[in-house]
């Protein structure tokens, strides 16, 4: 997310970031730092799942899909 190519490619678009707040493989700070660089350039929506790790798509699949579909419908 921090690369110039990503930022350039996403200008004027909407991005959804879904992340477990207990993810040890990709800690939340490694997500929040690049997101700060997108402010004002890309429409970013974040959804952090409490007490979830890297595999939240497996443990909370229905909720994740609901959030993705809701975000997609808002375009």
PDB file of N, CA and C in Angstrom:
ATOM      1  N   UNK A   1       0.808  -1.191   0.000  1.00  0.00           N
ATOM      2  CA  UNK A   1       0.000   0.000   0.000  1.00  0.00           C
ATOM      3  C   UNK A   1       0.855   1.259   0.000  1.00  0.00           C
ATOM      4  N   UNK A   2       2.077   1.143   0.393  1.00  0.00           N
ATOM      5  CA  UNK A   2       2.926   2.330   0.480  1.00  0.00           C
ATOM      6  C   UNK A   2       3.640   2.634  -0.829  1.00  0.00           C
ATOM      7  N   UNK A   3       3.591   1.729  -1.783  1.00  0.00           N
ATOM      8  CA  UNK A   3       4.330   1.956  -3.026  1.00  0.00           C
ATOM      9  C   UNK A   3       3.653   3.039  -3.861  1.00  0.00           C
ATOM     10  N   UNK A   4       4.443   3.852  -4.546  1.00  0.00           N
ATOM     11  CA  UNK A   4       3.866   4.893  -5.407  1.00  0.00           C
ATOM     12  C   UNK A   4       2.917   4.317  -6.460  1.00  0.00           C
ATOM     13  N   UNK A   5       3.230   3.142  -6.987  1.00  0.00           N
ATOM     14  CA  UNK A   5       2.381   2.521  -7.992  1.00  0.00           C
ATOM     15  C   UNK A   5       1.003   2.180  -7.461  1.00  0.00           C
ATOM     16  N   UNK A   6       0.943   1.706  -6.226  1.00  0.00           N
ATOM     17  CA  UNK A   6      -0.350   1.392  -5.612  1.00  0.00           C
ATOM     18  C   UNK A   6      -1.160   2.655  -5.429  1.00  0.00           C
ATOM     19  N   UNK A   7      -0.530   3.672  -4.880  1.00  0.00           N
ATOM     20  CA  UNK A   7      -1.225   4.937  -4.634  1.00  0.00           C
ATOM     21  C   UNK A   7      -1.725   5.524  -5.953  1.00  0.00           C
ATOM     22  N   UNK A   8      -0.888   5.539  -6.954  1.00  0.00           N
ATOM     23  CA  UNK A   8      -1.265   6.077  -8.261  1.00  0.00           C
ATOM     24  C   UNK A   8      -2.421   5.279  -8.875  1.00  0.00           C
ATOM     25  N   UNK A   9      -2.348   3.977  -8.784  1.00  0.00           N
ATOM     26  CA  UNK A   9      -3.384   3.126  -9.350  1.00  0.00           C
ATOM     27  C   UNK A   9      -4.722   3.218  -8.640  1.00  0.00           C
ATOM     28  N   UNK A  10      -4.705   3.658  -7.391  1.00  0.00           N
ATOM     29  CA  UNK A  10      -5.934   3.726  -6.602  1.00  0.00           C
ATOM     30  C   UNK A  10      -6.534   5.126  -6.523  1.00  0.00           C
ATOM     31  N   UNK A  11      -5.890   6.105  -7.089  1.00  0.00           N
ATOM     32  CA  UNK A  11      -6.417   7.478  -7.016  1.00  0.00           C
ATOM     33  C   UNK A  11      -7.846   7.517  -7.523  1.00  0.00           C
ATOM     34  N   UNK A  12      -8.702   8.137  -6.726  1.00  0.00           N
ATOM     35  CA  UNK A  12     -10.098   8.278  -7.095  1.00  0.00           C
ATOM     36  C   UNK A  12     -10.933   7.028  -6.903  1.00  0.00           C
ATOM     37  N   UNK A  13     -10.343   5.998  -6.355  1.00  0.00           N
ATOM     38  CA  UNK A  13     -11.066   4.741  -6.136  1.00  0.00           C
ATOM     39  C   UNK A  13     -11.319   4.529  -4.658  1.00  0.00           C
ATOM     40  N   UNK A  14     -12.131   3.537  -4.378  1.00  0.00           N
ATOM     41  CA  UNK A  14     -12.438   3.166  -3.010  1.00  0.00           C
ATOM     42  C   UNK A  14     -11.699   1.876  -2.669  1.00  0.00           C
ATOM     43  N   UNK A  15     -11.116   1.829  -1.481  1.00  0.00           N
ATOM     44  CA  UNK A  15     -10.352   0.663  -1.037  1.00  0.00           C
ATOM     45  C   UNK A  15     -10.899   0.214   0.316  1.00  0.00           C
ATOM     46  N   UNK A  16     -11.121  -1.075   0.452  1.00  0.00           N
ATOM     47  CA  UNK A  16     -11.566  -1.658   1.721  1.00  0.00           C
ATOM     48  C   UNK A  16     -10.404  -2.438   2.316  1.00  0.00           C
ATOM     49  N   UNK A  17     -10.068  -2.118   3.557  1.00  0.00           N
ATOM     50  CA  UNK A  17      -9.008  -2.835   4.268  1.00  0.00           C
ATOM     51  C   UNK A  17      -9.643  -3.572   5.428  1.00  0.00           C
ATOM     52  N   UNK A  18      -9.507  -4.888   5.415  1.00  0.00           N
ATOM     53  CA  UNK A  18     -10.037  -5.750   6.474  1.00  0.00           C
ATOM     54  C   UNK A  18      -8.850  -6.395   7.174  1.00  0.00           C
ATOM     55  N   UNK A  19      -8.868  -6.347   8.519  1.00  0.00           N
ATOM     56  CA  UNK A  19      -7.698  -6.843   9.244  1.00  0.00           C
ATOM     57  C   UNK A  19      -8.099  -7.259  10.650  1.00  0.00           C
ATOM     58  N   UNK A  20      -7.502  -8.329  11.129  1.00  0.00           N
ATOM     59  CA  UNK A  20      -7.684  -8.752  12.518  1.00  0.00           C
ATOM     60  C   UNK A  20      -6.741  -7.967  13.410  1.00  0.00           C
ATOM     61  N   UNK A  21      -7.248  -7.446  14.507  1.00  0.00           N
ATOM     62  CA  UNK A  21      -6.397  -6.603  15.352  1.00  0.00           C
ATOM     63  C   UNK A  21      -5.373  -7.395  16.171  1.00  0.00           C
ATOM     64  N   UNK A  22      -5.452  -8.721  16.116  1.00  0.00           N
ATOM     65  CA  UNK A  22      -4.471  -9.564  16.807  1.00  0.00           C
ATOM     66  C   UNK A  22      -3.579 -10.318  15.825  1.00  0.00           C
ATOM     67  N   UNK A  23      -3.518  -9.873  14.597  1.00  0.00           N
ATOM     68  CA  UNK A  23      -2.712 -10.520  13.561  1.00  0.00           C
ATOM     69  C   UNK A  23      -1.225 -10.335  13.880  1.00  0.00           C
ATOM     70  N   UNK A  24      -0.545 -11.438  14.143  1.00  0.00           N
ATOM     71  CA  UNK A  24       0.887 -11.384  14.446  1.00  0.00           C
ATOM     72  C   UNK A  24       1.734 -11.526  13.187  1.00  0.00           C
ATOM     73  N   UNK A  25       1.161 -12.045  12.115  1.00  0.00           N
ATOM     74  CA  UNK A  25       1.901 -12.198  10.855  1.00  0.00           C
ATOM     75  C   UNK A  25       2.079 -10.854  10.171  1.00  0.00           C
ATOM     76  N   UNK A  26       1.016 -10.053  10.174  1.00  0.00           N
ATOM     77  CA  UNK A  26       1.071  -8.691   9.643  1.00  0.00           C
ATOM     78  C   UNK A  26       0.457  -7.799  10.715  1.00  0.00           C
ATOM     79  N   UNK A  27       1.270  -7.307  11.641  1.00  0.00           N
ATOM     80  CA  UNK A  27       0.745  -6.493  12.730  1.00  0.00           C
ATOM     81  C   UNK A  27       0.006  -5.251  12.217  1.00  0.00           C
ATOM     82  N   UNK A  28      -0.972  -4.827  12.974  1.00  0.00           N
ATOM     83  CA  UNK A  28      -1.817  -3.705  12.602  1.00  0.00           C
ATOM     84  C   UNK A  28      -1.006  -2.445  12.276  1.00  0.00           C
ATOM     85  N   UNK A  29       0.105  -2.236  12.971  1.00  0.00           N
ATOM     86  CA  UNK A  29       0.902  -1.033  12.700  1.00  0.00           C
ATOM     87  C   UNK A  29       1.442  -1.027  11.265  1.00  0.00           C
ATOM     88  N   UNK A  30       1.644  -2.203  10.674  1.00  0.00           N
ATOM     89  CA  UNK A  30       2.132  -2.279   9.300  1.00  0.00           C
ATOM     90  C   UNK A  30       1.020  -2.025   8.284  1.00  0.00           C
ATOM     91  N   UNK A  31      -0.188  -2.001   8.760  1.00  0.00           N
ATOM     92  CA  UNK A  31      -1.329  -1.661   7.902  1.00  0.00           C
ATOM     93  C   UNK A  31      -1.654  -0.182   8.068  1.00  0.00           C
ATOM     94  N   UNK A  32      -1.657   0.290   9.296  1.00  0.00           N
ATOM     95  CA  UNK A  32      -2.050   1.676   9.571  1.00  0.00           C
ATOM     96  C   UNK A  32      -1.059   2.695   9.022  1.00  0.00           C
ATOM     97  N   UNK A  33       0.231   2.395   9.049  1.00  0.00           N
ATOM     98  CA  UNK A  33       1.226   3.350   8.556  1.00  0.00           C
ATOM     99  C   UNK A  33       1.039   3.663   7.068  1.00  0.00           C
ATOM    100  N   UNK A  34       0.947   2.657   6.190  1.00  0.00           N
ATOM    101  CA  UNK A  34       0.734   2.987   4.778  1.00  0.00           C
ATOM    102  C   UNK A  34      -0.635   3.610   4.511  1.00  0.00           C
ATOM    103  N   UNK A  35      -1.638   3.244   5.305  1.00  0.00           N
ATOM    104  CA  UNK A  35      -2.962   3.840   5.127  1.00  0.00           C
ATOM    105  C   UNK A  35      -2.925   5.345   5.335  1.00  0.00           C
ATOM    106  N   UNK A  36      -2.106   5.777   6.265  1.00  0.00           N
ATOM    107  CA  UNK A  36      -1.991   7.212   6.528  1.00  0.00           C
ATOM    108  C   UNK A  36      -1.513   7.950   5.274  1.00  0.00           C
ATOM    109  N   UNK A  37      -0.694   7.297   4.469  1.00  0.00           N
ATOM    110  CA  UNK A  37      -0.198   7.903   3.237  1.00  0.00           C
ATOM    111  C   UNK A  37      -1.238   7.993   2.137  1.00  0.00           C
ATOM    112  N   UNK A  38      -2.342   7.286   2.289  1.00  0.00           N
ATOM    113  CA  UNK A  38      -3.403   7.316   1.285  1.00  0.00           C
ATOM    114  C   UNK A  38      -4.431   8.410   1.562  1.00  0.00           C
ATOM    115  N   UNK A  39      -4.389   8.993   2.748  1.00  0.00           N
ATOM    116  CA  UNK A  39      -5.368   9.995   3.139  1.00  0.00           C
ATOM    117  C   UNK A  39      -5.403  11.139   2.133  1.00  0.00           C
ATOM    118  N   UNK A  40      -6.613  11.449   1.693  1.00  0.00           N
ATOM    119  CA  UNK A  40      -6.807  12.537   0.751  1.00  0.00           C
ATOM    120  C   UNK A  40      -6.603  12.138  -0.696  1.00  0.00           C
ATOM    121  N   UNK A  41      -6.086  10.941  -0.942  1.00  0.00           N
ATOM    122  CA  UNK A  41      -5.826  10.474  -2.302  1.00  0.00           C
ATOM    123  C   UNK A  41      -6.772   9.342  -2.689  1.00  0.00           C
ATOM    124  N   UNK A  42      -7.044   8.481  -1.730  1.00  0.00           N
ATOM    125  CA  UNK A  42      -7.852   7.287  -1.962  1.00  0.00           C
ATOM    126  C   UNK A  42      -8.939   7.228  -0.890  1.00  0.00           C
ATOM    127  N   UNK A  43     -10.147   6.846  -1.283  1.00  0.00           N
ATOM    128  CA  UNK A  43     -11.233   6.671  -0.320  1.00  0.00           C
ATOM    129  C   UNK A  43     -11.040   5.321   0.364  1.00  0.00           C
ATOM    130  N   UNK A  44     -10.603   5.351   1.611  1.00  0.00           N
ATOM    131  CA  UNK A  44     -10.286   4.128   2.342  1.00  0.00           C
ATOM    132  C   UNK A  44     -11.329   3.879   3.423  1.00  0.00           C
ATOM    133  N   UNK A  45     -11.834   2.653   3.440  1.00  0.00           N
ATOM    134  CA  UNK A  45     -12.696   2.204   4.530  1.00  0.00           C
ATOM    135  C   UNK A  45     -11.958   1.066   5.220  1.00  0.00           C
ATOM    136  N   UNK A  46     -11.896   1.126   6.530  1.00  0.00           N
ATOM    137  CA  UNK A  46     -11.220   0.081   7.286  1.00  0.00           C
ATOM    138  C   UNK A  46     -12.221  -0.666   8.157  1.00  0.00           C
ATOM    139  N   UNK A  47     -11.943  -1.930   8.328  1.00  0.00           N
ATOM    140  CA  UNK A  47     -12.732  -2.767   9.237  1.00  0.00           C
ATOM    141  C   UNK A  47     -11.731  -3.632   9.983  1.00  0.00           C
ATOM    142  N   UNK A  48     -11.591  -3.365  11.272  1.00  0.00           N
ATOM    143  CA  UNK A  48     -10.701  -4.145  12.118  1.00  0.00           C
ATOM    144  C   UNK A  48     -11.566  -5.052  12.993  1.00  0.00           C
ATOM    145  N   UNK A  49     -11.252  -6.329  12.974  1.00  0.00           N
ATOM    146  CA  UNK A  49     -12.009  -7.311  13.741  1.00  0.00           C
ATOM    147  C   UNK A  49     -11.298  -7.570  15.064  1.00  0.00           C
ATOM    148  N   UNK A  50     -12.000  -7.292  16.145  1.00  0.00           N
ATOM    149  CA  UNK A  50     -11.442  -7.469  17.482  1.00  0.00           C
ATOM    150  C   UNK A  50     -11.154  -8.933  17.773  1.00  0.00           C
ATOM    151  N   UNK A  51     -10.026  -9.161  18.396  1.00  0.00           N
ATOM    152  CA  UNK A  51      -9.607 -10.491  18.855  1.00  0.00           C
ATOM    153  C   UNK A  51      -9.410 -11.492  17.731  1.00  0.00           C
ATOM    154  N   UNK A  52      -9.171 -11.015  16.510  1.00  0.00           N
ATOM    155  CA  UNK A  52      -8.963 -11.919  15.380  1.00  0.00           C
ATOM    156  C   UNK A  52      -7.529 -11.828  14.878  1.00  0.00           C
ATOM    157  N   UNK A  53      -7.052 -12.952  14.350  1.00  0.00           N
ATOM    158  CA  UNK A  53      -5.681 -13.017  13.858  1.00  0.00           C
ATOM    159  C   UNK A  53      -5.672 -13.000  12.328  1.00  0.00           C
ATOM    160  N   UNK A  54      -4.620 -13.503  11.756  1.00  0.00           N
ATOM    161  CA  UNK A  54      -4.407 -13.494  10.311  1.00  0.00           C
ATOM    162  C   UNK A  54      -5.461 -14.305   9.557  1.00  0.00           C
ATOM    163  N   UNK A  55      -6.117 -15.211  10.237  1.00  0.00           N
ATOM    164  CA  UNK A  55      -7.051 -16.126   9.582  1.00  0.00           C
ATOM    165  C   UNK A  55      -8.511 -15.760   9.838  1.00  0.00           C
ATOM    166  N   UNK A  56      -8.803 -14.484  10.004  1.00  0.00           N
ATOM    167  CA  UNK A  56     -10.162 -14.073  10.302  1.00  0.00           C
ATOM    168  C   UNK A  56     -11.133 -14.422   9.187  1.00  0.00           C
ATOM    169  N   UNK A  57     -10.648 -14.582   7.952  1.00  0.00           N
ATOM    170  CA  UNK A  57     -11.532 -14.984   6.860  1.00  0.00           C
ATOM    171  C   UNK A  57     -12.065 -16.401   7.073  1.00  0.00           C
ATOM    172  N   UNK A  58     -11.360 -17.175   7.843  1.00  0.00           N
ATOM    173  CA  UNK A  58     -11.835 -18.526   8.157  1.00  0.00           C
ATOM    174  C   UNK A  58     -12.720 -18.529   9.408  1.00  0.00           C
ATOM    175  N   UNK A  59     -12.343 -17.757  10.396  1.00  0.00           N
ATOM    176  CA  UNK A  59     -13.076 -17.783  11.663  1.00  0.00           C
ATOM    177  C   UNK A  59     -14.349 -16.946  11.648  1.00  0.00           C
ATOM    178  N   UNK A  60     -14.404 -15.918  10.786  1.00  0.00           N
ATOM    179  CA  UNK A  60     -15.593 -15.044  10.740  1.00  0.00           C
ATOM    180  C   UNK A  60     -16.026 -14.796   9.300  1.00  0.00           C
ATOM    181  N   UNK A  61     -16.024 -15.871   8.547  1.00  0.00           N
ATOM    182  CA  UNK A  61     -16.282 -15.799   7.107  1.00  0.00           C
ATOM    183  C   UNK A  61     -17.569 -15.060   6.762  1.00  0.00           C
ATOM    184  N   UNK A  62     -18.659 -15.410   7.396  1.00  0.00           N
ATOM    185  CA  UNK A  62     -19.961 -14.802   7.073  1.00  0.00           C
ATOM    186  C   UNK A  62     -19.932 -13.300   7.325  1.00  0.00           C
ATOM    187  N   UNK A  63     -19.360 -12.896   8.439  1.00  0.00           N
ATOM    188  CA  UNK A  63     -19.298 -11.466   8.767  1.00  0.00           C
ATOM    189  C   UNK A  63     -18.397 -10.713   7.794  1.00  0.00           C
ATOM    190  N   UNK A  64     -17.268 -11.308   7.449  1.00  0.00           N
ATOM    191  CA  UNK A  64     -16.352 -10.681   6.500  1.00  0.00           C
ATOM    192  C   UNK A  64     -17.042 -10.511   5.149  1.00  0.00           C
ATOM    193  N   UNK A  65     -17.691 -11.555   4.672  1.00  0.00           N
ATOM    194  CA  UNK A  65     -18.379 -11.466   3.381  1.00  0.00           C
ATOM    195  C   UNK A  65     -19.489 -10.425   3.413  1.00  0.00           C
ATOM    196  N   UNK A  66     -20.208 -10.361   4.503  1.00  0.00           N
ATOM    197  CA  UNK A  66     -21.259  -9.350   4.642  1.00  0.00           C
ATOM    198  C   UNK A  66     -20.667  -7.943   4.551  1.00  0.00           C
ATOM    199  N   UNK A  67     -19.541  -7.723   5.206  1.00  0.00           N
ATOM    200  CA  UNK A  67     -18.891  -6.414   5.158  1.00  0.00           C
ATOM    201  C   UNK A  67     -18.376  -6.090   3.755  1.00  0.00           C
ATOM    202  N   UNK A  68     -17.835  -7.076   3.073  1.00  0.00           N
ATOM    203  CA  UNK A  68     -17.344  -6.863   1.705  1.00  0.00           C
ATOM    204  C   UNK A  68     -18.511  -6.537   0.777  1.00  0.00           C
ATOM    205  N   UNK A  69     -19.585  -7.305   0.850  1.00  0.00           N
ATOM    206  CA  UNK A  69     -20.738  -7.066  -0.017  1.00  0.00           C
ATOM    207  C   UNK A  69     -21.377  -5.703   0.273  1.00  0.00           C
ATOM    208  N   UNK A  70     -21.428  -5.333   1.530  1.00  0.00           N
ATOM    209  CA  UNK A  70     -21.975  -4.034   1.904  1.00  0.00           C
ATOM    210  C   UNK A  70     -21.117  -2.908   1.329  1.00  0.00           C
ATOM    211  N   UNK A  71     -19.809  -3.056   1.429  1.00  0.00           N
ATOM    212  CA  UNK A  71     -18.889  -2.056   0.877  1.00  0.00           C
ATOM    213  C   UNK A  71     -19.043  -1.972  -0.636  1.00  0.00           C
ATOM    214  N   UNK A  72     -19.136  -3.111  -1.307  1.00  0.00           N
ATOM    215  CA  UNK A  72     -19.289  -3.119  -2.754  1.00  0.00           C
ATOM    216  C   UNK A  72     -20.601  -2.448  -3.182  1.00  0.00           C
ATOM    217  N   UNK A  73     -21.651  -2.648  -2.415  1.00  0.00           N
ATOM    218  CA  UNK A  73     -22.944  -2.058  -2.742  1.00  0.00           C
ATOM    219  C   UNK A  73     -22.934  -0.544  -2.593  1.00  0.00           C
ATOM    220  N   UNK A  74     -21.996  -0.027  -1.816  1.00  0.00           N
ATOM    221  CA  UNK A  74     -21.945   1.416  -1.573  1.00  0.00           C
ATOM    222  C   UNK A  74     -21.233   2.193  -2.670  1.00  0.00           C
ATOM    223  N   UNK A  75     -20.704   1.517  -3.668  1.00  0.00           N
ATOM    224  CA  UNK A  75     -19.989   2.208  -4.749  1.00  0.00           C
ATOM    225  C   UNK A  75     -20.910   3.078  -5.501  1.00  0.00           C
TER     226      UNK A  75
END
